[in-house]
Amino acid sequence: MNIKIDARGLSCPQPVLMTLNEIKVGKTSEIQILVDTDTSKENVSRAAISQGWEVADVSEERNEYKITIRKK
C-alpha cells in the first residue's frame, strides 16, 4: 500500500511533520511526498533518514519534487 502526502504549498515544518506522522503510523513501507521547495525536499529527506528510512528516489518536475522513501 503506497501512501502519498501532498505537502505542496506548505512551509516547513509542516511537510516534515506530515511525513513523520505517516512513518509513525507504520502502515506502509513506502511513502511518496510531494513538495515544492528545495528546503522542504532537504528537510523531508533528512527526517526520513533519521527515522531509519532511505530516500529511494527524488524527481523534479515543474519546480515540484516527488520524494519516495522506503523503510529499510
C-alpha atoms as a PDB file:
ATOM      1  CA  MET A   1       0.000   0.000   0.000  1.00  0.00           C
ATOM      2  CA  ASN A   2       1.543   3.279  -1.100  1.00  0.00           C
ATOM      3  CA  ILE A   3       0.884   6.393   0.920  1.00  0.00           C
ATOM      4  CA  LYS A   4       1.021   9.766  -0.828  1.00  0.00           C
ATOM      5  CA  ILE A   5       1.475  13.018   1.029  1.00  0.00           C
ATOM      6  CA  ASP A   6       0.736  16.222  -0.846  1.00  0.00           C
ATOM      7  CA  ALA A   7       2.620  18.938   1.032  1.00  0.00           C
ATOM      8  CA  ARG A   8       2.841  21.391  -1.860  1.00  0.00           C
ATOM      9  CA  GLY A   9       2.227  24.947  -0.762  1.00  0.00           C
ATOM     10  CA  LEU A  10       3.062  24.168   2.855  1.00  0.00           C
ATOM     11  CA  SER A  11       6.104  25.593   4.575  1.00  0.00           C
ATOM     12  CA  CYS A  12       8.388  23.730   6.941  1.00  0.00           C
ATOM     13  CA  PRO A  13       7.992  22.136   9.336  1.00  0.00           C
ATOM     14  CA  GLN A  14       4.571  21.004   8.068  1.00  0.00           C
ATOM     15  CA  PRO A  15       5.830  18.623   5.307  1.00  0.00           C
ATOM     16  CA  VAL A  16       8.297  17.072   7.764  1.00  0.00           C
ATOM     17  CA  LEU A  17       5.624  16.621  10.443  1.00  0.00           C
ATOM     18  CA  MET A  18       3.233  15.027   7.927  1.00  0.00           C
ATOM     19  CA  THR A  19       5.969  12.622   6.809  1.00  0.00           C
ATOM     20  CA  LEU A  20       6.992  11.715  10.359  1.00  0.00           C
ATOM     21  CA  ASN A  21       3.344  11.110  11.250  1.00  0.00           C
ATOM     22  CA  GLU A  22       2.941   8.602   8.412  1.00  0.00           C
ATOM     23  CA  ILE A  23       6.203   6.894   9.387  1.00  0.00           C
ATOM     24  CA  LYS A  24       4.909   6.628  12.965  1.00  0.00           C
ATOM     25  CA  VAL A  25       1.569   5.166  11.826  1.00  0.00           C
ATOM     26  CA  GLY A  26       3.622   2.412  10.223  1.00  0.00           C
ATOM     27  CA  LYS A  27       1.045   1.053   7.778  1.00  0.00           C
ATOM     28  CA  THR A  28       3.341   1.082   4.771  1.00  0.00           C
ATOM     29  CA  SER A  29       6.927   0.522   3.758  1.00  0.00           C
ATOM     30  CA  GLU A  30       6.897   3.190   1.041  1.00  0.00           C
ATOM     31  CA  ILE A  31       5.722   6.802   1.086  1.00  0.00           C
ATOM     32  CA  GLN A  32       5.671   9.409  -1.679  1.00  0.00           C
ATOM     33  CA  ILE A  33       5.843  13.036  -0.633  1.00  0.00           C
ATOM     34  CA  LEU A  34       5.133  15.971  -2.943  1.00  0.00           C
ATOM     35  CA  VAL A  35       6.773  19.292  -2.031  1.00  0.00           C
ATOM     36  CA  ASP A  36       7.509  22.486  -3.909  1.00  0.00           C
ATOM     37  CA  THR A  37      10.626  23.935  -2.275  1.00  0.00           C
ATOM     38  CA  ASP A  38      14.264  22.871  -2.012  1.00  0.00           C
ATOM     39  CA  THR A  39      14.128  23.394   1.738  1.00  0.00           C
ATOM     40  CA  SER A  40      11.178  21.036   2.163  1.00  0.00           C
ATOM     41  CA  LYS A  41      12.857  18.454  -0.077  1.00  0.00           C
ATOM     42  CA  GLU A  42      16.023  18.522   2.024  1.00  0.00           C
ATOM     43  CA  ASN A  43      14.225  18.560   5.382  1.00  0.00           C
ATOM     44  CA  VAL A  44      11.848  15.706   4.496  1.00  0.00           C
ATOM     45  CA  SER A  45      14.759  13.615   3.204  1.00  0.00           C
ATOM     46  CA  ARG A  46      16.795  14.251   6.367  1.00  0.00           C
ATOM     47  CA  ALA A  47      13.827  13.440   8.609  1.00  0.00           C
ATOM     48  CA  ALA A  48      13.186  10.138   6.810  1.00  0.00           C
ATOM     49  CA  ILE A  49      16.834   9.119   7.076  1.00  0.00           C
ATOM     50  CA  SER A  50      16.860   9.991  10.782  1.00  0.00           C
ATOM     51  CA  GLN A  51      13.984   7.522  11.256  1.00  0.00           C
ATOM     52  CA  GLY A  52      15.883   4.695   9.567  1.00  0.00           C
ATOM     53  CA  TRP A  53      14.214   5.052   6.170  1.00  0.00           C
ATOM     54  CA  GLU A  54      16.023   5.510   2.860  1.00  0.00           C
ATOM     55  CA  VAL A  55      15.401   8.061   0.149  1.00  0.00           C
ATOM     56  CA  ALA A  56      14.757   5.779  -2.811  1.00  0.00           C
ATOM     57  CA  ASP A  57      14.087   8.472  -5.408  1.00  0.00           C
ATOM     58  CA  VAL A  58      13.763  12.215  -5.856  1.00  0.00           C
ATOM     59  CA  SER A  59      12.368  13.538  -9.106  1.00  0.00           C
ATOM     60  CA  GLU A  60      11.782  17.143 -10.098  1.00  0.00           C
ATOM     61  CA  GLU A  61       9.073  18.320 -12.437  1.00  0.00           C
ATOM     62  CA  ARG A  62       7.957  21.926 -12.968  1.00  0.00           C
ATOM     63  CA  ASN A  63       9.541  23.196  -9.738  1.00  0.00           C
ATOM     64  CA  GLU A  64       7.953  20.420  -7.694  1.00  0.00           C
ATOM     65  CA  TYR A  65       9.653  17.430  -6.125  1.00  0.00           C
ATOM     66  CA  LYS A  66       8.393  13.892  -5.659  1.00  0.00           C
ATOM     67  CA  ILE A  67      10.320  12.150  -2.904  1.00  0.00           C
ATOM     68  CA  THR A  68       9.953   8.398  -2.494  1.00  0.00           C
ATOM     69  CA  ILE A  69      11.101   6.982   0.810  1.00  0.00           C
ATOM     70  CA  ARG A  70      11.268   3.307   1.800  1.00  0.00           C
ATOM     71  CA  LYS A  71      11.605   1.517   5.081  1.00  0.00           C
ATOM     72  CA  LYS A  72      14.980  -0.235   5.306  1.00  0.00           C
END
